[in-house]
Amino acid sequence: MVISAVGGAGLWFKGRYLSSCGILQLPSLPTPAVSEPHPTGRVPAPPVDRRTLLDRLVDFISPGPDSREELLESLADAEHRSLIEPDTRRMVEGVLRLSDKSAGDVMVAAPRMDVLDLAQPYEELLETVIRTAHSRFPVVEDSRDNIIGILMAKDLIKLQRAPELHLRTLLRPAVFVPESKALTELLRDFRSNRNHMAIVIDEFGQTAGLVTIEDVLEEIVGEIEDEFDVADGESAVYTLADGSYRVAGDGPIAEVNRIFGLDFPENEFETIGGLVAHELGRVPRRGESVEVGALRFVVMLARGGAVRWFRVTRLPLEDASEGPAKAAGPPGNA
């Protein structure tokens, strides 16, 4: 057949050209009848297909994807032919898969949450904020399951300037969502309510974890770098106000040796995170404390199965270990 020898796109453009020249006149489809303002109980007519005959032929010869798998294959083919960038393909695929995931899939589990206690003095609150480097914190009262609100880290400045204020007056309402809440719905809620954090509860009403808008967006665009991420050419070690250090997990061992005056092996591992994981036998979790040599490493931030930031302090000489690394769980966290 002639039709089978012509590609779908070529047939469409050729038909349009002939039609515009008056050589080929395609019949117009009838317009749907106007619905009656007062229905009489008759079954309404099925919707009328407004496509022209040529459009139907093109769709028949070269149909579009009929499933998500076919759509993903089309995206891969478009990337292979350089019609879209690889990042564009990954983001589109992330959007497509977002509806398959729930809050429970991306949340930080309750035992690993960094929380503030309403009864803590100001100095302890400030120490926790500096150590964990978060911008928002769930605030609990009496127990970790009793979350009474969310504290913005910047609001602690108000307590310093006005000590008579009570921490409770600075809290913002906490948003609670079930574990089964779809990420598409959660993202819509974040946008409409202008919240960036939600507390996830299980089917029994207990705290299961927390999820942030960043967690949801990273499912679409991949990992989001923040102000604590090290840019190329910048130092991986920073001195904190309390005399401890913030060290990037991907920081070169050579730089750590130079700053701390140590001799960690540089020929076996390139990063300090790799060395700590090797000494411990696994990747440490957020809040976990690990002692390696003369240093104590506390995980400040971990993402994607890797440590992003350590809080590092020097051990007293009598406590400095020469053997295998020693690990301790985070206070109040698992």
Protein backbone atom coordinates (compact mmCIF):
# COMPACT_ATOMS: atom_id res chain seq x y z
CA MET A 1 0.00 0.00 0.00
CA VAL A 2 1.03 3.59 -0.56
CA ILE A 3 0.09 4.52 3.00
CA SER A 4 2.37 1.90 4.52
CA ALA A 5 5.30 3.26 2.51
CA VAL A 6 4.93 6.75 3.92
CA GLY A 7 5.88 7.62 7.46
CA GLY A 8 3.27 9.01 9.80
CA ALA A 9 4.78 12.46 10.01
CA GLY A 10 5.32 12.75 6.26
CA LEU A 11 1.74 11.69 5.52
CA TRP A 12 0.41 14.26 7.90
CA PHE A 13 2.39 17.14 6.41
CA LYS A 14 1.62 16.07 2.82
CA GLY A 15 -2.08 15.86 3.59
CA ARG A 16 -2.05 19.29 5.15
CA TYR A 17 -0.29 20.72 2.12
CA LEU A 18 -2.73 19.18 -0.38
CA SER A 19 -5.66 20.31 1.68
CA SER A 20 -4.38 23.89 1.84
CA CYS A 21 -3.97 23.90 -1.96
CA GLY A 22 -7.51 22.69 -2.53
CA ILE A 23 -6.34 19.40 -4.08
CA LEU A 24 -7.51 17.26 -1.19
CA GLN A 25 -10.70 18.13 0.60
CA LEU A 26 -11.20 16.21 3.83
CA PRO A 27 -14.73 15.91 5.14
CA SER A 28 -15.52 17.76 8.33
CA LEU A 29 -16.94 15.79 11.20
CA PRO A 30 -20.38 16.73 12.46
CA THR A 31 -20.52 18.93 15.52
CA PRO A 32 -22.09 17.46 18.64
CA ALA A 33 -25.70 18.26 19.30
CA VAL A 34 -26.44 20.88 21.96
CA SER A 35 -27.47 19.23 25.19
CA GLU A 36 -30.96 19.92 26.40
CA PRO A 37 -31.23 22.21 29.43
CA HIS A 38 -33.80 19.85 30.94
CA PRO A 39 -32.77 16.22 30.55
CA THR A 40 -35.53 13.81 29.52
CA GLY A 41 -33.91 10.66 30.86
CA ARG A 42 -32.48 9.60 27.52
CA VAL A 43 -28.93 8.21 27.45
CA PRO A 44 -26.56 10.96 26.25
CA ALA A 45 -24.70 10.39 23.01
CA PRO A 46 -21.05 9.35 23.32
CA PRO A 47 -18.48 12.14 22.88
CA VAL A 48 -17.69 12.92 19.26
CA ASP A 49 -14.13 12.44 18.05
CA ARG A 50 -13.08 15.84 16.65
CA ARG A 51 -10.04 14.51 14.83
CA THR A 52 -10.02 14.77 11.05
CA LEU A 53 -9.76 11.70 8.86
CA LEU A 54 -6.10 12.42 8.15
CA ASP A 55 -5.32 12.75 11.88
CA ARG A 56 -6.97 9.37 12.45
CA LEU A 57 -4.86 7.80 9.70
CA VAL A 58 -1.66 9.26 11.19
CA ASP A 59 -2.55 7.96 14.66
CA PHE A 60 -3.33 4.55 13.17
CA ILE A 61 -0.02 4.32 11.32
CA SER A 62 2.17 5.84 14.05
CA PRO A 63 0.34 5.57 17.37
CA GLY A 64 1.60 7.28 20.53
CA PRO A 65 2.59 5.47 23.75
CA ASP A 66 -0.23 3.52 25.37
CA SER A 67 1.44 2.84 28.73
CA ARG A 68 3.91 4.36 31.14
CA GLU A 69 6.56 1.87 30.07
CA GLU A 70 6.17 2.92 26.42
CA LEU A 71 6.34 6.58 27.45
CA LEU A 72 9.58 5.95 29.36
CA GLU A 73 10.98 4.16 26.31
CA SER A 74 10.01 7.16 24.16
CA LEU A 75 11.85 9.47 26.56
CA ALA A 76 14.93 7.27 26.39
CA ASP A 77 14.77 7.30 22.60
CA ALA A 78 14.38 11.09 22.57
CA GLU A 79 17.46 11.42 24.76
CA HIS A 80 19.39 9.01 22.51
CA ARG A 81 18.53 11.17 19.50
CA SER A 82 19.57 14.32 21.42
CA LEU A 83 16.05 15.75 21.32
CA ILE A 84 16.06 16.28 25.10
CA GLU A 85 18.83 16.62 27.66
CA PRO A 86 19.58 13.77 30.09
CA ASP A 87 18.57 15.95 33.05
CA THR A 88 15.23 16.64 31.40
CA ARG A 89 14.59 12.95 30.93
CA ARG A 90 15.45 12.22 34.58
CA MET A 91 13.12 14.95 35.83
CA VAL A 92 10.22 13.79 33.66
CA GLU A 93 10.75 10.23 34.84
CA GLY A 94 10.85 11.50 38.43
CA VAL A 95 7.51 13.24 37.96
CA LEU A 96 5.98 10.08 36.47
CA ARG A 97 7.18 7.94 39.36
CA LEU A 98 6.23 10.47 42.03
CA SER A 99 2.63 9.27 42.09
CA ASP A 100 3.84 5.76 42.98
CA LYS A 101 5.54 6.89 46.18
CA SER A 102 4.13 7.90 49.54
CA ALA A 103 5.35 9.95 52.49
CA GLY A 104 6.48 6.78 54.21
CA ASP A 105 8.89 6.03 51.35
CA VAL A 106 10.97 9.21 51.71
CA MET A 107 10.52 10.20 55.36
CA VAL A 108 13.22 10.36 58.02
CA ALA A 109 12.28 7.66 60.53
CA ALA A 110 11.23 8.82 64.00
CA PRO A 111 14.25 7.38 65.86
CA ARG A 112 16.53 9.39 63.57
CA MET A 113 14.68 12.68 63.89
CA ASP A 114 16.50 15.63 65.45
CA VAL A 115 14.02 17.20 67.88
CA LEU A 116 14.07 19.92 70.51
CA ASP A 117 12.56 19.49 73.96
CA LEU A 118 10.38 22.26 75.32
CA ALA A 119 12.06 21.90 78.73
CA GLN A 120 15.61 22.31 77.42
CA PRO A 121 17.50 25.47 78.43
CA TYR A 122 18.47 27.93 75.74
CA GLU A 123 22.13 26.83 75.69
CA GLU A 124 21.19 23.21 74.94
CA LEU A 125 18.74 24.27 72.23
CA LEU A 126 21.41 26.40 70.56
CA GLU A 127 23.96 23.58 70.77
CA THR A 128 21.56 21.18 69.03
CA VAL A 129 20.79 23.70 66.29
CA ILE A 130 24.49 24.30 65.62
CA ARG A 131 25.37 20.59 65.73
CA THR A 132 22.64 19.39 63.37
CA ALA A 133 22.58 22.45 61.03
CA HIS A 134 18.84 22.19 60.30
CA SER A 135 16.56 25.16 59.70
CA ARG A 136 13.41 23.61 61.25
CA PHE A 137 12.92 21.37 64.26
CA PRO A 138 9.98 19.46 65.70
CA VAL A 139 9.50 20.44 69.34
CA VAL A 140 8.35 17.78 71.81
CA GLU A 141 6.98 17.92 75.33
CA ASP A 142 7.35 15.11 77.89
CA SER A 143 8.07 12.48 75.19
CA ARG A 144 9.32 12.24 71.60
CA ASP A 145 5.88 11.13 70.42
CA ASN A 146 4.24 14.32 71.70
CA ILE A 147 5.13 16.87 69.02
CA ILE A 148 3.59 20.23 69.88
CA GLY A 149 4.92 22.40 67.06
CA ILE A 150 7.75 23.37 64.72
CA LEU A 151 10.53 25.81 65.64
CA MET A 152 12.43 27.81 63.03
CA ALA A 153 16.11 27.94 63.94
CA LYS A 154 16.23 31.68 63.24
CA ASP A 155 13.56 32.26 65.90
CA LEU A 156 16.05 31.29 68.61
CA ILE A 157 17.57 34.75 68.17
CA LYS A 158 14.38 36.17 69.66
CA LEU A 159 14.98 34.16 72.85
CA GLN A 160 18.48 35.58 73.11
CA ARG A 161 17.27 39.16 72.75
CA ALA A 162 14.17 38.68 74.92
CA PRO A 163 14.85 35.97 77.56
CA GLU A 164 11.41 36.53 79.09
CA LEU A 165 9.83 34.92 76.02
CA HIS A 166 8.76 31.30 76.34
CA LEU A 167 9.74 28.83 73.66
CA ARG A 168 6.10 27.83 73.24
CA THR A 169 5.22 31.29 71.93
CA LEU A 170 7.68 30.86 69.03
CA LEU A 171 6.30 27.56 67.80
CA ARG A 172 4.46 27.20 64.52
CA PRO A 173 1.69 24.64 64.01
CA ALA A 174 2.86 21.17 63.02
CA VAL A 175 1.29 19.50 59.99
CA PHE A 176 0.52 15.78 60.36
CA VAL A 177 0.11 13.45 57.39
CA PRO A 178 -0.38 9.66 57.16
CA GLU A 179 2.35 7.37 55.88
CA SER A 180 0.18 6.48 52.88
CA LYS A 181 -0.19 10.06 51.63
CA ALA A 182 0.91 10.27 48.00
CA LEU A 183 3.87 12.53 47.31
CA THR A 184 1.94 14.32 44.58
CA GLU A 185 -0.71 15.31 47.11
CA LEU A 186 1.90 16.18 49.72
CA LEU A 187 3.72 18.46 47.29
CA ARG A 188 0.43 20.18 46.47
CA ASP A 189 -0.21 20.70 50.19
CA PHE A 190 3.28 22.08 50.74
CA ARG A 191 2.72 24.64 47.99
CA SER A 192 -0.75 25.70 49.06
CA ASN A 193 -0.09 25.81 52.82
CA ARG A 194 3.45 27.21 52.53
CA ASN A 195 4.77 24.53 54.88
CA HIS A 196 8.14 22.90 54.32
CA MET A 197 7.88 20.11 56.89
CA ALA A 198 5.25 17.57 57.85
CA ILE A 199 5.15 14.99 60.64
CA VAL A 200 4.31 11.50 59.37
CA ILE A 201 2.09 9.33 61.57
CA ASP A 202 1.37 5.62 61.31
CA GLU A 203 -1.99 3.85 61.33
CA PHE A 204 -2.03 3.90 65.15
CA GLY A 205 -1.50 7.65 65.36
CA GLN A 206 2.11 7.37 66.53
CA THR A 207 4.94 9.42 65.08
CA ALA A 208 6.55 7.50 62.23
CA GLY A 209 8.93 10.20 61.01
CA LEU A 210 9.08 13.52 59.20
CA VAL A 211 9.23 14.62 55.59
CA THR A 212 10.26 17.95 54.09
CA ILE A 213 9.55 19.63 50.78
CA GLU A 214 13.20 19.06 49.89
CA ASP A 215 12.71 15.31 50.28
CA VAL A 216 9.84 15.43 47.79
CA LEU A 217 11.59 17.66 45.26
CA GLU A 218 14.70 15.47 45.33
CA GLU A 219 12.57 12.61 44.04
CA ILE A 220 12.07 14.72 40.89
CA VAL A 221 15.26 16.67 40.33
CA GLY A 222 17.73 14.56 42.27
CA GLU A 223 19.83 15.70 45.19
CA ILE A 224 19.52 19.40 46.01
CA GLU A 225 22.70 21.11 47.13
CA ASP A 226 22.37 23.49 50.06
CA GLU A 227 24.49 26.14 51.73
CA PHE A 228 26.46 23.47 53.59
CA ASP A 229 27.62 21.73 50.42
CA VAL A 230 31.19 22.26 49.37
CA ALA A 231 31.81 23.83 45.98
CA ASP A 232 34.83 22.94 43.91
CA GLY A 233 37.93 24.62 45.25
CA GLU A 234 36.52 25.30 48.73
CA SER A 235 37.82 23.84 51.96
CA ALA A 236 36.15 20.71 53.33
CA VAL A 237 36.90 21.63 56.97
CA TYR A 238 35.28 24.50 58.86
CA THR A 239 35.81 25.63 62.45
CA LEU A 240 32.60 26.03 64.48
CA ALA A 241 31.94 28.50 67.27
CA ASP A 242 32.29 25.89 70.02
CA GLY A 243 35.76 24.84 68.85
CA SER A 244 34.65 21.71 67.01
CA TYR A 245 34.91 21.24 63.25
CA ARG A 246 32.47 20.60 60.42
CA VAL A 247 34.08 18.21 57.93
CA ALA A 248 32.62 17.18 54.58
CA GLY A 249 32.20 13.44 54.13
CA ASP A 250 33.80 13.69 50.68
CA GLY A 251 36.65 15.82 52.02
CA PRO A 252 40.14 14.64 51.04
CA ILE A 253 41.98 12.67 53.71
CA ALA A 254 45.10 14.68 52.90
CA GLU A 255 43.37 17.89 53.95
CA VAL A 256 42.14 16.34 57.21
CA ASN A 257 45.65 15.09 57.96
CA ARG A 258 47.11 18.52 57.29
CA ILE A 259 44.62 20.44 59.45
CA PHE A 260 44.55 17.99 62.38
CA GLY A 261 48.19 16.94 62.19
CA LEU A 262 47.34 13.26 61.67
CA ASP A 263 48.57 10.48 59.43
CA PHE A 264 45.46 8.68 58.22
CA PRO A 265 46.36 6.45 55.22
CA GLU A 266 45.95 8.39 51.99
CA ASN A 267 46.74 5.60 49.53
CA GLU A 268 43.78 3.34 50.39
CA PHE A 269 40.94 5.89 50.51
CA GLU A 270 40.42 9.30 48.99
CA THR A 271 37.75 10.72 51.32
CA ILE A 272 37.35 10.88 55.07
CA GLY A 273 33.84 9.44 54.74
CA GLY A 274 35.24 6.34 53.03
CA LEU A 275 37.82 5.90 55.79
CA VAL A 276 35.25 6.19 58.58
CA ALA A 277 32.89 3.75 56.85
CA HIS A 278 35.74 1.27 56.35
CA GLU A 279 36.85 1.47 59.98
CA LEU A 280 33.27 1.02 61.21
CA GLY A 281 32.40 -1.68 58.69
CA ARG A 282 29.33 0.18 57.38
CA VAL A 283 28.11 3.68 56.60
CA PRO A 284 27.24 5.43 59.88
CA ARG A 285 23.73 6.83 60.35
CA ARG A 286 22.81 10.43 61.07
CA GLY A 287 23.50 11.31 64.71
CA GLU A 288 25.79 8.33 65.19
CA SER A 289 29.18 8.90 66.84
CA VAL A 290 32.33 7.14 65.62
CA GLU A 291 35.83 7.35 67.08
CA VAL A 292 38.72 6.91 64.66
CA GLY A 293 42.24 7.56 65.82
CA ALA A 294 42.37 10.79 67.79
CA LEU A 295 39.06 12.14 66.46
CA ARG A 296 35.40 11.65 67.24
CA PHE A 297 33.11 11.88 64.20
CA VAL A 298 29.40 12.64 64.70
CA VAL A 299 27.26 12.38 61.57
CA MET A 300 25.46 15.69 61.03
CA LEU A 301 23.89 14.93 57.66
CA ALA A 302 23.61 11.76 55.58
CA ARG A 303 21.91 11.37 52.21
CA GLY A 304 21.74 8.70 49.57
CA GLY A 305 23.69 6.16 51.61
CA ALA A 306 26.64 8.49 52.19
CA VAL A 307 27.68 10.91 54.92
CA ARG A 308 27.57 14.52 53.81
CA TRP A 309 28.85 16.22 56.98
CA PHE A 310 30.64 15.20 60.15
CA ARG A 311 31.00 17.18 63.35
CA VAL A 312 34.55 16.41 64.47
CA THR A 313 36.16 16.91 67.88
CA ARG A 314 39.55 15.89 69.21
CA LEU A 315 39.63 13.11 71.78
CA PRO A 316 41.61 13.46 74.99
CA LEU A 317 44.98 11.81 74.61
CA GLU A 318 44.07 9.01 77.00
CA ASP A 319 40.91 8.23 74.95
CA ALA A 320 42.54 8.26 71.51
CA SER A 321 42.10 4.83 69.96
CA GLU A 322 44.74 2.99 67.97
CA GLY A 323 42.55 -0.03 67.13
CA PRO A 324 39.25 -0.46 65.30
CA ALA A 325 36.73 2.35 65.26
CA LYS A 326 34.24 2.56 68.13
CA ALA A 327 30.67 3.58 67.44
CA ALA A 328 27.98 4.98 69.70
CA GLY A 329 24.37 5.70 68.90
CA PRO A 330 23.10 9.29 68.96
CA PRO A 331 21.63 10.52 72.26
CA GLY A 332 17.89 10.15 71.98
CA ASN A 333 18.13 8.80 68.44
CA ALA A 334 18.65 5.34 67.00
